[in-house]
Each structure stands twice: as structure tokens, then as C-alpha cells.
């Protein structure tokens, strides 16, 4: 039985390929490479720093029972985009966004268009 080669990431052979989809908060994160003592390279995602708070937002008063993923679905059309709401607000834990009904948070405008207008 032949010895198998170490696992190789299929994306390694595609120039410019990134392991995260475009909608992921890690899409623009830098990918690092660590070489182990045995010579095997291990890829990892480097630390993601929060972007400056420059994205235009609209205020939203948090209601009872709301969650970041539900807000992502409601305002951005994708529950997985909750991280954009978290990035637009100064919180350490995304659950802080909705743990206090009555809190006012900023919701990024969908698609970056003024006043939430969606262009088709």
C-alpha cells in the first residue's frame, strides 16, 4: 500500500483563490502560512481587525426577542450577514446588539445605497 501525500488544499493550485466566500467577514482577511518542524505548511487566517466605523447606517430600536441573525435577514437579506451589523456598532460580543430591548443600534444600509434603496 502506497503512503499517501499530506492533505493539499484544492485552492492552493488556483491563483488568487480564497478559502472564504465573498459574503464572509473573513473574505478579505490575510491567509498566513506556518511551516511545521516536519516541513508541512499549515495555512491559517490571520487576525481580522474591525474596519473603521465609516459605513452609513440607519438607527434601529431593538425589540424583545430579536437576534443578530434575524436582523441580518430582515435588513440585509441574509442571516449570515449579522457580522456587518456587529461591525457597525461598538460591541465586543454580537449578542450585546440585541440583549437589551430598547437599545438603539446602527444597521448598515443594504448594498451601500443611500437610504436602503436596492438597485436591480
Protein backbone atom coordinates (compact mmCIF):
# COMPACT_ATOMS: atom_id res chain seq x y z
CA UNK A 1 0.00 0.00 0.00
CA UNK A 2 1.47 3.37 -1.01
CA UNK A 3 1.96 6.07 1.56
CA UNK A 4 -0.43 9.00 0.96
CA UNK A 5 0.77 12.55 0.46
CA UNK A 6 -0.16 15.13 3.10
CA UNK A 7 -3.55 16.75 2.50
CA UNK A 8 -3.30 19.56 -0.01
CA UNK A 9 -5.86 22.31 -0.16
CA UNK A 10 -7.50 22.35 -3.61
CA UNK A 11 -7.46 26.16 -3.52
CA UNK A 12 -3.65 26.17 -3.34
CA UNK A 13 -3.43 25.46 -7.05
CA UNK A 14 -5.75 28.32 -8.05
CA UNK A 15 -4.01 31.70 -8.15
CA UNK A 16 -5.85 34.29 -6.07
CA UNK A 17 -8.30 31.75 -4.62
CA UNK A 18 -9.54 32.47 -1.11
CA UNK A 19 -10.98 29.89 1.29
CA UNK A 20 -13.87 32.11 2.38
CA UNK A 21 -16.87 33.14 0.25
CA UNK A 22 -17.28 36.80 -0.70
CA UNK A 23 -20.08 37.21 1.84
CA UNK A 24 -17.89 36.06 4.75
CA UNK A 25 -16.42 38.53 7.21
CA UNK A 26 -13.12 36.73 6.70
CA UNK A 27 -13.06 37.07 2.90
CA UNK A 28 -10.61 39.97 2.97
CA UNK A 29 -8.56 38.56 5.86
CA UNK A 30 -4.96 37.68 5.06
CA UNK A 31 -4.07 33.99 4.92
CA UNK A 32 -0.83 33.10 6.67
CA UNK A 33 1.37 30.04 6.27
CA UNK A 34 3.13 28.31 9.15
CA UNK A 35 5.80 25.74 8.36
CA UNK A 36 5.92 22.97 10.95
CA UNK A 37 9.19 21.37 12.03
CA UNK A 38 8.45 18.42 9.74
CA UNK A 39 8.21 20.79 6.74
CA UNK A 40 4.44 20.63 6.29
CA UNK A 41 2.83 24.02 5.63
CA UNK A 42 -0.28 24.86 7.60
CA UNK A 43 -2.45 27.71 6.33
CA UNK A 44 -4.38 29.87 8.78
CA UNK A 45 -6.45 33.02 8.77
CA UNK A 46 -4.64 35.97 10.30
CA UNK A 47 -6.38 38.17 12.84
CA UNK A 48 -9.24 40.21 11.43
CA UNK A 49 -9.26 43.77 12.71
CA UNK A 50 -12.51 45.68 12.81
CA UNK A 51 -12.85 48.19 10.00
CA UNK A 52 -13.23 51.89 10.86
CA UNK A 53 -16.81 52.91 11.64
CA UNK A 54 -17.40 54.71 8.35
CA UNK A 55 -20.25 52.71 6.82
CA UNK A 56 -23.51 54.67 6.66
CA UNK A 57 -26.16 53.26 8.99
CA UNK A 58 -29.76 53.83 9.91
CA UNK A 59 -30.95 53.59 13.53
CA UNK A 60 -32.95 50.61 14.75
CA UNK A 61 -34.58 50.19 18.16
CA UNK A 62 -34.04 46.61 19.34
CA UNK A 63 -37.24 44.74 20.13
CA UNK A 64 -37.72 41.84 22.54
CA UNK A 65 -36.63 38.52 21.06
CA UNK A 66 -34.54 39.97 18.26
CA UNK A 67 -31.20 38.34 17.43
CA UNK A 68 -28.28 39.46 15.26
CA UNK A 69 -29.00 36.76 12.65
CA UNK A 70 -32.67 37.78 12.44
CA UNK A 71 -31.64 41.41 11.94
CA UNK A 72 -29.25 40.30 9.20
CA UNK A 73 -32.11 38.53 7.42
CA UNK A 74 -34.56 41.38 7.92
CA UNK A 75 -32.33 44.28 6.87
CA UNK A 76 -29.63 42.72 4.68
CA UNK A 77 -31.49 39.73 3.21
CA UNK A 78 -29.10 37.13 4.67
CA UNK A 79 -28.90 35.92 8.29
CA UNK A 80 -25.20 35.26 7.75
CA UNK A 81 -24.60 38.99 7.33
CA UNK A 82 -25.14 39.68 11.05
CA UNK A 83 -21.43 40.46 11.25
CA UNK A 84 -21.92 43.63 9.18
CA UNK A 85 -24.31 44.90 11.86
CA UNK A 86 -21.86 43.92 14.59
CA UNK A 87 -19.02 45.70 12.75
CA UNK A 88 -21.13 48.88 12.52
CA UNK A 89 -21.66 49.00 16.29
CA UNK A 90 -19.09 49.20 19.08
CA UNK A 91 -19.70 45.81 20.75
CA UNK A 92 -17.27 43.07 21.77
CA UNK A 93 -19.84 40.28 21.56
CA UNK A 94 -22.54 40.29 18.82
CA UNK A 95 -25.13 39.17 21.38
CA UNK A 96 -24.74 42.60 23.01
CA UNK A 97 -26.52 44.06 19.98
CA UNK A 98 -29.87 42.58 20.97
CA UNK A 99 -29.59 41.62 24.65
CA UNK A 100 -31.24 44.87 25.78
CA UNK A 101 -34.65 45.70 24.25
CA UNK A 102 -34.94 49.42 23.56
CA UNK A 103 -31.26 49.82 22.69
CA UNK A 104 -30.62 51.82 19.52
CA UNK A 105 -28.14 50.23 17.12
CA UNK A 106 -26.96 51.18 13.64
CA UNK A 107 -27.96 48.99 10.70
CA UNK A 108 -25.69 49.25 7.62
CA UNK A 109 -27.58 50.28 4.54
CA UNK A 110 -28.23 47.35 2.20
CA UNK A 111 -25.87 47.28 -0.74
CA UNK A 112 -24.31 50.55 0.34
CA UNK A 113 -27.04 52.55 -1.39
CA UNK A 114 -28.37 55.65 0.37
CA UNK A 115 -31.48 55.17 2.48
CA UNK A 116 -31.54 51.41 1.95
CA UNK A 117 -32.52 51.64 -1.71
CA UNK A 118 -31.86 48.38 -3.53
CA UNK A 119 -30.86 48.54 -7.16
CA UNK A 120 -31.68 45.73 -9.52
